[in-house]
C-alpha cells in the first residue's frame, strides 16, 4: 500500500510539472555553413588578406517563450532568446529578443532587449531564411559608407538600426484588417548628472531614441514603413535617423521584394563620435530588390542592394549582390549554397552584416561562398 501511495504522489508531481509547462515553447535554429571568403582591392596591400575559410553559425539560437491567461482578456507573455555559437562553443543568454509583458485586446506591451520595427522591416524583406549569412541585406542597409565601422572577422557588422535595442519598452497594436503598428522607446539609462548637457566629457555612453512603424499584410502582399531615431553622448550631441520603406509579394511560385531607405547622421562639434556619427549632416540613400523562385522542393534566391553616394562624401557608395539555392529536405531542414559579392567604392567601408569578412580601411572588395545546413526546431 505504501509503495502505491508513493507511486501516486510521484505521478501527481510529474503531472503538475507537465501542466505548468504546457504554455512554454522551446524553439530555435541550428544553422552551420562552411565559408570560403576572399578580400581584395584594398588601398593598402597589408589589408588584402586574400582567401581564407571558416565555419559559421549564421545567427543560430535557442529560445523559450510562453503565455499565461490571467482572465478577462489579460495575458502575461515572455520570451528569452539566446545566441548559440555552434562554431565556437559560445553564445550569450538573452542576447536576442528577450522580454516580459502583458497582452490585452487593445495590444501588447513588452520590455527588454527588442527588435524594433525598422530592423524587422529590413529583415522581413531579405531573401535569406532568418535574414542571415554573408548575403544578408544588413551588409548595406542602415549604414553610411564613409563612417561604417571596420568589423573583425566573423563578427556581426550590422548598423545600429539593424541591431536589437536594450533597455526598451514597446507597444504592439492589435491587427486591424491586416494593419499593425509598433512604437518603441529606448530608455536613457546612463544619464548621470543634470545641467551638463553641453560637456563632451560627461555621459558619453548615453543612448536614447524611438522606433515606430506600420505594416499591412494581405492576399500575399506586405507593405511597411518605419522611422528610427537615436542619440548617443550628451543630450545635445550626436544623433542619427533612418527612414525605411518596403514591400513584398509571396505566391506559390516564389516571392519578390523591394526596399528604399535614407540614413542621416549628425555630430555636434565638440561631442564624441559614435557609430555612423563622425561627419555632420551627412545622408545616404540605399535601395534593394530581391526574389525567390520555387522549383519543387528547391528554390533559387537572389538579391541586389546598392548604397548611393552620400551628400557630403564622394565615392562612398557600394553594392551587395547575392545568388543562391536552397533545397528543403523537410519543413524544418534545408541544404543551402549562396555566393555573395560586396564591392566598396574608394571611400566606403561596408562589410558583410552577418559573419563579417574583417575588411579594414576603405575601398575593399569581399566575396564569399557558403554551403551549409539549416534546421528549425
Protein backbone atom coordinates (compact mmCIF):
# COMPACT_ATOMS: atom_id res chain seq x y z
CA UNK A 1 0.00 0.00 0.00
CA UNK A 2 2.80 2.40 0.92
CA UNK A 3 4.51 1.78 -2.45
CA UNK A 4 1.24 2.57 -4.23
CA UNK A 5 0.86 5.85 -2.32
CA UNK A 6 4.44 6.87 -3.18
CA UNK A 7 3.86 5.97 -6.84
CA UNK A 8 0.68 8.04 -6.93
CA UNK A 9 2.46 11.00 -5.31
CA UNK A 10 5.30 10.86 -7.86
CA UNK A 11 2.77 10.65 -10.70
CA UNK A 12 0.87 13.65 -9.31
CA UNK A 13 4.07 15.71 -9.08
CA UNK A 14 5.08 14.78 -12.63
CA UNK A 15 1.61 15.70 -13.86
CA UNK A 16 1.74 19.09 -12.11
CA UNK A 17 5.16 19.85 -13.59
CA UNK A 18 3.96 18.92 -17.07
CA UNK A 19 0.85 21.08 -16.63
CA UNK A 20 2.95 24.06 -15.52
CA UNK A 21 4.98 23.82 -18.72
CA UNK A 22 2.10 23.42 -21.19
CA UNK A 23 2.25 27.10 -22.21
CA UNK A 24 6.04 27.19 -22.61
CA UNK A 25 7.53 26.58 -26.04
CA UNK A 26 11.16 25.65 -26.67
CA UNK A 27 12.30 26.60 -30.16
CA UNK A 28 15.38 27.57 -32.10
CA UNK A 29 17.59 27.26 -35.16
CA UNK A 30 20.81 25.33 -35.74
CA UNK A 31 22.47 26.80 -38.84
CA UNK A 32 26.04 25.92 -39.80
CA UNK A 33 27.94 26.58 -43.01
CA UNK A 34 31.41 26.17 -44.46
CA UNK A 35 32.57 29.50 -45.91
CA UNK A 36 35.29 30.42 -48.37
CA UNK A 37 35.95 34.18 -48.20
CA UNK A 38 38.21 36.38 -50.33
CA UNK A 39 39.19 40.02 -49.62
CA UNK A 40 40.88 42.09 -52.30
CA UNK A 41 41.35 45.57 -53.81
CA UNK A 42 42.25 47.27 -50.52
CA UNK A 43 44.11 50.60 -50.94
CA UNK A 44 46.71 49.13 -48.60
CA UNK A 45 48.34 45.85 -49.63
CA UNK A 46 48.63 44.98 -45.93
CA UNK A 47 44.83 44.78 -45.76
CA UNK A 48 44.48 42.36 -48.70
CA UNK A 49 44.04 39.23 -46.60
CA UNK A 50 43.27 37.13 -49.66
CA UNK A 51 41.35 33.89 -49.32
CA UNK A 52 40.50 32.10 -46.08
CA UNK A 53 37.87 29.63 -44.89
CA UNK A 54 35.84 29.10 -41.74
CA UNK A 55 32.74 27.52 -40.22
CA UNK A 56 29.93 29.98 -39.37
CA UNK A 57 26.93 29.66 -37.05
CA UNK A 58 24.73 32.11 -39.02
CA UNK A 59 22.71 33.52 -36.12
CA UNK A 60 21.86 30.13 -34.58
CA UNK A 61 19.80 30.46 -31.41
CA UNK A 62 17.62 28.78 -28.79
CA UNK A 63 14.56 30.34 -27.19
CA UNK A 64 11.86 29.86 -24.59
CA UNK A 65 8.53 31.65 -24.81
CA UNK A 66 5.21 31.37 -23.07
CA UNK A 67 1.79 32.81 -22.36
CA UNK A 68 -0.33 32.68 -19.22
CA UNK A 69 -4.04 33.51 -19.44
CA UNK A 70 -4.82 35.78 -16.48
CA UNK A 71 -8.52 36.07 -17.26
CA UNK A 72 -10.75 38.85 -18.61
CA UNK A 73 -8.68 39.03 -21.81
CA UNK A 74 -5.41 39.75 -19.98
CA UNK A 75 -2.37 37.58 -20.68
CA UNK A 76 1.21 37.54 -19.43
CA UNK A 77 3.81 36.97 -22.16
CA UNK A 78 7.53 36.32 -22.01
CA UNK A 79 10.41 35.28 -24.23
CA UNK A 80 14.08 34.54 -23.54
CA UNK A 81 16.12 34.03 -26.71
CA UNK A 82 19.86 33.32 -26.65
CA UNK A 83 22.54 33.15 -29.31
CA UNK A 84 24.32 29.85 -29.93
CA UNK A 85 27.87 29.81 -31.30
CA UNK A 86 27.95 26.41 -32.98
CA UNK A 87 31.33 27.27 -34.47
CA UNK A 88 32.97 28.40 -31.23
CA UNK A 89 31.14 26.66 -28.35
CA UNK A 90 29.93 30.09 -27.30
CA UNK A 91 26.74 32.10 -27.05
CA UNK A 92 25.08 34.72 -24.89
CA UNK A 93 21.95 34.33 -22.78
CA UNK A 94 19.15 36.77 -23.74
CA UNK A 95 21.35 38.34 -26.47
CA UNK A 96 18.41 38.12 -28.88
CA UNK A 97 14.78 39.25 -28.45
CA UNK A 98 14.03 38.75 -24.75
CA UNK A 99 11.21 40.37 -22.86
CA UNK A 100 8.31 40.21 -20.40
CA UNK A 101 4.99 41.96 -20.80
CA UNK A 102 1.21 41.98 -20.85
CA UNK A 103 -1.24 41.49 -23.69
CA UNK A 104 -4.88 42.55 -23.99
CA UNK A 105 -7.40 43.08 -26.75
CA UNK A 106 -6.04 46.63 -27.03
CA UNK A 107 -2.49 45.50 -27.79
CA UNK A 108 0.68 44.22 -26.17
CA UNK A 109 3.32 46.00 -24.09
CA UNK A 110 6.73 44.34 -23.64
CA UNK A 111 10.00 45.42 -22.01
CA UNK A 112 13.51 44.10 -22.59
CA UNK A 113 16.01 43.60 -25.42
CA UNK A 114 13.91 44.14 -28.53
CA UNK A 115 13.85 44.21 -32.31
CA UNK A 116 12.28 47.48 -33.40
CA UNK A 117 10.05 47.89 -36.46
CA UNK A 118 12.92 49.31 -38.56
CA UNK A 119 15.08 46.23 -38.08
CA UNK A 120 12.06 43.95 -38.50
CA UNK A 121 11.14 45.54 -41.84
CA UNK A 122 14.65 45.17 -43.22
CA UNK A 123 14.90 41.53 -42.12
CA UNK A 124 11.42 40.77 -43.46
CA UNK A 125 12.47 41.86 -46.95
CA UNK A 126 15.65 39.74 -47.01
CA UNK A 127 15.54 36.61 -49.18
CA UNK A 128 17.65 34.51 -46.79
CA UNK A 129 15.96 32.32 -44.18
CA UNK A 130 16.45 34.15 -40.89
CA UNK A 131 17.90 37.17 -42.76
CA UNK A 132 21.36 35.75 -42.06
CA UNK A 133 24.55 34.82 -43.86
CA UNK A 134 27.09 36.79 -45.90
CA UNK A 135 24.49 37.81 -48.49
CA UNK A 136 22.06 39.35 -45.97
CA UNK A 137 20.92 42.89 -46.80
CA UNK A 138 22.21 44.08 -43.41
CA UNK A 139 25.61 44.42 -45.07
CA UNK A 140 24.33 47.60 -46.77
CA UNK A 141 21.21 48.96 -45.09
CA UNK A 142 21.31 51.36 -42.14
CA UNK A 143 24.95 52.36 -42.66
CA UNK A 144 26.77 55.39 -44.08
CA UNK A 145 29.64 54.16 -46.22
CA UNK A 146 32.42 56.54 -45.22
CA UNK A 147 31.80 56.13 -41.48
CA UNK A 148 30.80 52.47 -41.30
CA UNK A 149 32.64 50.52 -38.61
CA UNK A 150 35.52 48.24 -39.60
CA UNK A 151 34.49 44.90 -38.09
CA UNK A 152 36.53 41.87 -37.16
CA UNK A 153 36.29 38.56 -38.97
CA UNK A 154 33.14 36.52 -38.27
CA UNK A 155 31.56 39.27 -36.13
CA UNK A 156 28.12 40.80 -36.51
CA UNK A 157 28.55 44.00 -38.52
CA UNK A 158 25.05 45.44 -38.77
CA UNK A 159 24.09 49.09 -38.33
CA UNK A 160 22.68 50.47 -35.09
CA UNK A 161 19.26 50.48 -36.78
CA UNK A 162 19.55 46.77 -37.52
CA UNK A 163 20.64 45.75 -34.03
CA UNK A 164 18.31 44.98 -31.13
CA UNK A 165 17.71 47.83 -28.68
CA UNK A 166 18.42 47.16 -24.98
CA UNK A 167 16.53 48.95 -22.17
CA UNK A 168 13.48 49.24 -24.42
CA UNK A 169 9.71 49.30 -23.95
CA UNK A 170 7.42 48.71 -26.91
CA UNK A 171 3.70 48.74 -27.76
CA UNK A 172 2.37 46.39 -30.47
CA UNK A 173 -1.12 47.13 -31.69
CA UNK A 174 -3.78 44.52 -32.48
CA UNK A 175 -4.22 43.56 -36.12
CA UNK A 176 -6.84 45.81 -37.76
CA UNK A 177 -7.73 44.49 -41.23
CA UNK A 178 -4.13 43.42 -41.78
CA UNK A 179 -2.58 46.60 -40.31
CA UNK A 180 -0.33 46.51 -37.24
CA UNK A 181 1.67 49.31 -35.64
CA UNK A 182 4.68 49.23 -33.31
CA UNK A 183 6.14 52.04 -31.19
CA UNK A 184 9.32 51.50 -29.15
CA UNK A 185 11.22 53.78 -26.77
CA UNK A 186 14.87 53.29 -25.78
CA UNK A 187 15.44 54.46 -22.22
CA UNK A 188 18.29 56.84 -21.31
CA UNK A 189 19.72 54.62 -18.57
CA UNK A 190 23.24 56.07 -18.48
CA UNK A 191 22.34 59.65 -17.60
CA UNK A 192 24.39 60.61 -14.54
CA UNK A 193 24.26 64.37 -13.97
CA UNK A 194 21.86 67.23 -14.56
CA UNK A 195 22.89 70.53 -16.11
CA UNK A 196 25.89 69.14 -18.00
CA UNK A 197 24.32 68.51 -21.42
CA UNK A 198 26.93 70.51 -23.34
CA UNK A 199 30.01 68.90 -21.80
CA UNK A 200 31.68 66.34 -24.05
CA UNK A 201 33.42 64.85 -21.02
CA UNK A 202 30.20 63.56 -19.45
CA UNK A 203 27.56 60.92 -20.27
CA UNK A 204 29.29 59.63 -23.40
CA UNK A 205 27.63 56.21 -23.06
CA UNK A 206 24.12 57.62 -23.08
CA UNK A 207 21.72 56.28 -25.69
CA UNK A 208 18.09 57.22 -26.12
CA UNK A 209 15.71 57.05 -29.04
CA UNK A 210 12.48 55.79 -30.54
CA UNK A 211 11.45 53.44 -33.33
CA UNK A 212 7.98 53.48 -34.92
CA UNK A 213 6.49 51.54 -37.81
CA UNK A 214 3.30 50.47 -39.56
CA UNK A 215 2.85 47.32 -41.65
CA UNK A 216 -0.01 45.98 -43.77
CA UNK A 217 -0.33 42.35 -44.89
CA UNK A 218 -2.99 40.70 -47.02
CA UNK A 219 -3.51 38.40 -50.03
CA UNK A 220 0.22 37.64 -50.17
CA UNK A 221 1.23 41.32 -50.18
CA UNK A 222 3.14 43.20 -47.48
CA UNK A 223 3.93 46.92 -47.28
CA UNK A 224 5.65 48.72 -44.44
CA UNK A 225 7.22 51.98 -43.33
CA UNK A 226 9.45 52.59 -40.29
CA UNK A 227 11.33 55.50 -38.77
CA UNK A 228 14.08 55.14 -36.18
CA UNK A 229 15.90 57.98 -34.37
CA UNK A 230 18.55 57.69 -31.67
CA UNK A 231 21.08 59.85 -29.88
CA UNK A 232 24.39 58.98 -28.23
CA UNK A 233 26.67 61.01 -25.98
CA UNK A 234 25.25 64.17 -24.43
CA UNK A 235 21.64 65.10 -24.92
CA UNK A 236 22.83 67.93 -27.21
CA UNK A 237 25.25 65.63 -29.02
CA UNK A 238 25.35 63.07 -31.80
CA UNK A 239 22.24 61.68 -33.41
CA UNK A 240 21.18 59.52 -36.35
CA UNK A 241 17.91 58.62 -38.07
CA UNK A 242 16.68 56.10 -40.62
CA UNK A 243 13.55 56.19 -42.78
CA UNK A 244 12.76 52.83 -44.40
CA UNK A 245 10.05 51.82 -46.90
CA UNK A 246 9.45 48.40 -48.39
CA UNK A 247 7.04 45.87 -49.74
CA UNK A 248 6.85 42.29 -50.98
CA UNK A 249 4.61 39.73 -52.62
CA UNK A 250 4.67 35.99 -51.93
CA UNK A 251 2.93 33.36 -54.04
CA UNK A 252 3.17 29.67 -54.80
CA UNK A 253 5.86 30.41 -57.41
CA UNK A 254 8.11 32.38 -55.02
CA UNK A 255 8.43 36.00 -53.92
CA UNK A 256 9.66 39.47 -54.85
CA UNK A 257 10.67 42.33 -52.51
CA UNK A 258 11.64 45.99 -52.87
CA UNK A 259 13.14 48.42 -50.35
CA UNK A 260 14.33 52.03 -50.11
CA UNK A 261 15.83 53.89 -47.17
CA UNK A 262 17.64 57.07 -46.17
CA UNK A 263 20.11 57.18 -43.30
CA UNK A 264 21.10 60.51 -41.77
CA UNK A 265 23.80 61.19 -39.17
CA UNK A 266 24.87 64.34 -37.36
CA UNK A 267 27.54 65.13 -34.76
CA UNK A 268 27.59 68.41 -32.91
CA UNK A 269 31.10 69.89 -32.72
CA UNK A 270 32.92 69.00 -29.52
CA UNK A 271 30.95 65.85 -28.76
CA UNK A 272 32.43 62.35 -29.05
CA UNK A 273 31.71 60.35 -32.18
CA UNK A 274 29.82 57.08 -32.18
CA UNK A 275 28.80 54.57 -34.83
CA UNK A 276 27.81 56.46 -38.02
CA UNK A 277 28.45 59.78 -36.33
CA UNK A 278 31.82 61.14 -37.41
CA UNK A 279 30.60 63.51 -40.14
CA UNK A 280 27.98 66.23 -39.53
CA UNK A 281 24.77 66.42 -41.54
CA UNK A 282 25.53 63.51 -43.86
CA UNK A 283 22.84 61.48 -45.63
CA UNK A 284 22.98 58.34 -47.74
CA UNK A 285 20.24 56.54 -49.62
CA UNK A 286 20.05 52.81 -50.35
CA UNK A 287 17.72 50.65 -52.39
CA UNK A 288 17.35 46.94 -52.95
CA UNK A 289 15.43 44.23 -54.75
CA UNK A 290 15.18 40.51 -54.03
CA UNK A 291 13.37 37.48 -55.40
CA UNK A 292 12.90 33.75 -54.83
CA UNK A 293 11.71 31.15 -57.34
CA UNK A 294 10.39 27.79 -56.17
CA UNK A 295 11.19 24.62 -58.12
CA UNK A 296 9.60 21.68 -56.31
CA UNK A 297 11.44 21.26 -53.01
CA UNK A 298 14.17 23.64 -54.16
CA UNK A 299 14.33 27.41 -54.53
CA UNK A 300 16.60 29.88 -56.30
CA UNK A 301 17.24 33.07 -54.31
CA UNK A 302 18.86 36.34 -55.24
CA UNK A 303 19.05 39.98 -54.19
CA UNK A 304 20.86 43.21 -55.01
CA UNK A 305 21.33 46.16 -52.64
CA UNK A 306 23.08 49.42 -53.51
CA UNK A 307 24.25 52.38 -51.45
CA UNK A 308 24.28 55.59 -53.46
CA UNK A 309 26.92 58.27 -52.96
CA UNK A 310 26.22 60.27 -49.79
CA UNK A 311 25.59 64.01 -49.64
CA UNK A 312 28.97 65.05 -48.23
CA UNK A 313 31.50 62.37 -49.24
CA UNK A 314 32.41 61.39 -52.78
CA UNK A 315 32.88 57.74 -53.81
CA UNK A 316 31.40 56.22 -50.64
CA UNK A 317 28.79 54.01 -52.31
CA UNK A 318 28.76 50.23 -52.61
CA UNK A 319 26.69 47.30 -53.82
CA UNK A 320 25.98 43.81 -52.49
CA UNK A 321 24.84 41.05 -54.85
CA UNK A 322 23.81 37.54 -53.83
CA UNK A 323 22.63 34.43 -55.66
CA UNK A 324 21.97 31.03 -54.14
CA UNK A 325 19.96 27.82 -54.00
CA UNK A 326 18.08 26.11 -51.19
CA UNK A 327 16.86 22.50 -51.09
CA UNK A 328 14.25 21.65 -48.45
CA UNK A 329 14.59 18.09 -47.18
CA UNK A 330 11.56 18.77 -44.96
CA UNK A 331 9.65 21.71 -43.49
CA UNK A 332 12.38 22.08 -40.88
CA UNK A 333 15.67 21.09 -42.55
CA UNK A 334 17.30 22.58 -45.63
CA UNK A 335 20.58 22.50 -47.54
CA UNK A 336 21.81 25.83 -48.89
CA UNK A 337 24.55 27.28 -51.05
CA UNK A 338 24.99 31.03 -51.65
CA UNK A 339 27.52 33.31 -53.33
CA UNK A 340 27.81 36.97 -52.27
CA UNK A 341 29.87 39.83 -53.69
CA UNK A 342 30.33 43.17 -51.87
CA UNK A 343 32.10 45.97 -53.74
CA UNK A 344 33.06 49.24 -51.99
CA UNK A 345 33.91 52.47 -53.75
CA UNK A 346 37.17 54.19 -52.74
CA UNK A 347 35.80 55.87 -49.59
CA UNK A 348 33.30 53.22 -48.43
CA UNK A 349 33.77 50.69 -45.61
CA UNK A 350 30.79 48.33 -45.89
CA UNK A 351 31.23 44.70 -44.80
CA UNK A 352 29.01 41.62 -44.63
CA UNK A 353 26.34 42.26 -41.98
CA UNK A 354 26.46 38.71 -40.59
CA UNK A 355 29.82 36.90 -40.45
CA UNK A 356 31.88 39.94 -41.45
CA UNK A 357 34.85 39.39 -43.74
CA UNK A 358 37.03 41.58 -41.50
CA UNK A 359 37.98 44.24 -44.05
CA UNK A 360 39.93 47.27 -42.79
CA UNK A 361 40.21 50.71 -44.31
CA UNK A 362 38.13 51.79 -47.31
CA UNK A 363 37.59 50.57 -50.85
CA UNK A 364 37.93 46.83 -50.31
CA UNK A 365 36.01 44.08 -52.09
CA UNK A 366 34.75 40.94 -50.37
CA UNK A 367 33.25 37.84 -51.92
CA UNK A 368 32.34 34.52 -50.46
CA UNK A 369 30.72 31.12 -50.94
CA UNK A 370 28.69 29.48 -48.15
CA UNK A 371 27.46 25.88 -48.16
CA UNK A 372 25.53 24.72 -45.12
CA UNK A 373 22.58 23.13 -43.35
CA UNK A 374 19.76 24.92 -41.51
CA UNK A 375 17.44 23.14 -39.07
CA UNK A 376 14.46 24.69 -37.26
CA UNK A 377 13.11 23.15 -34.08
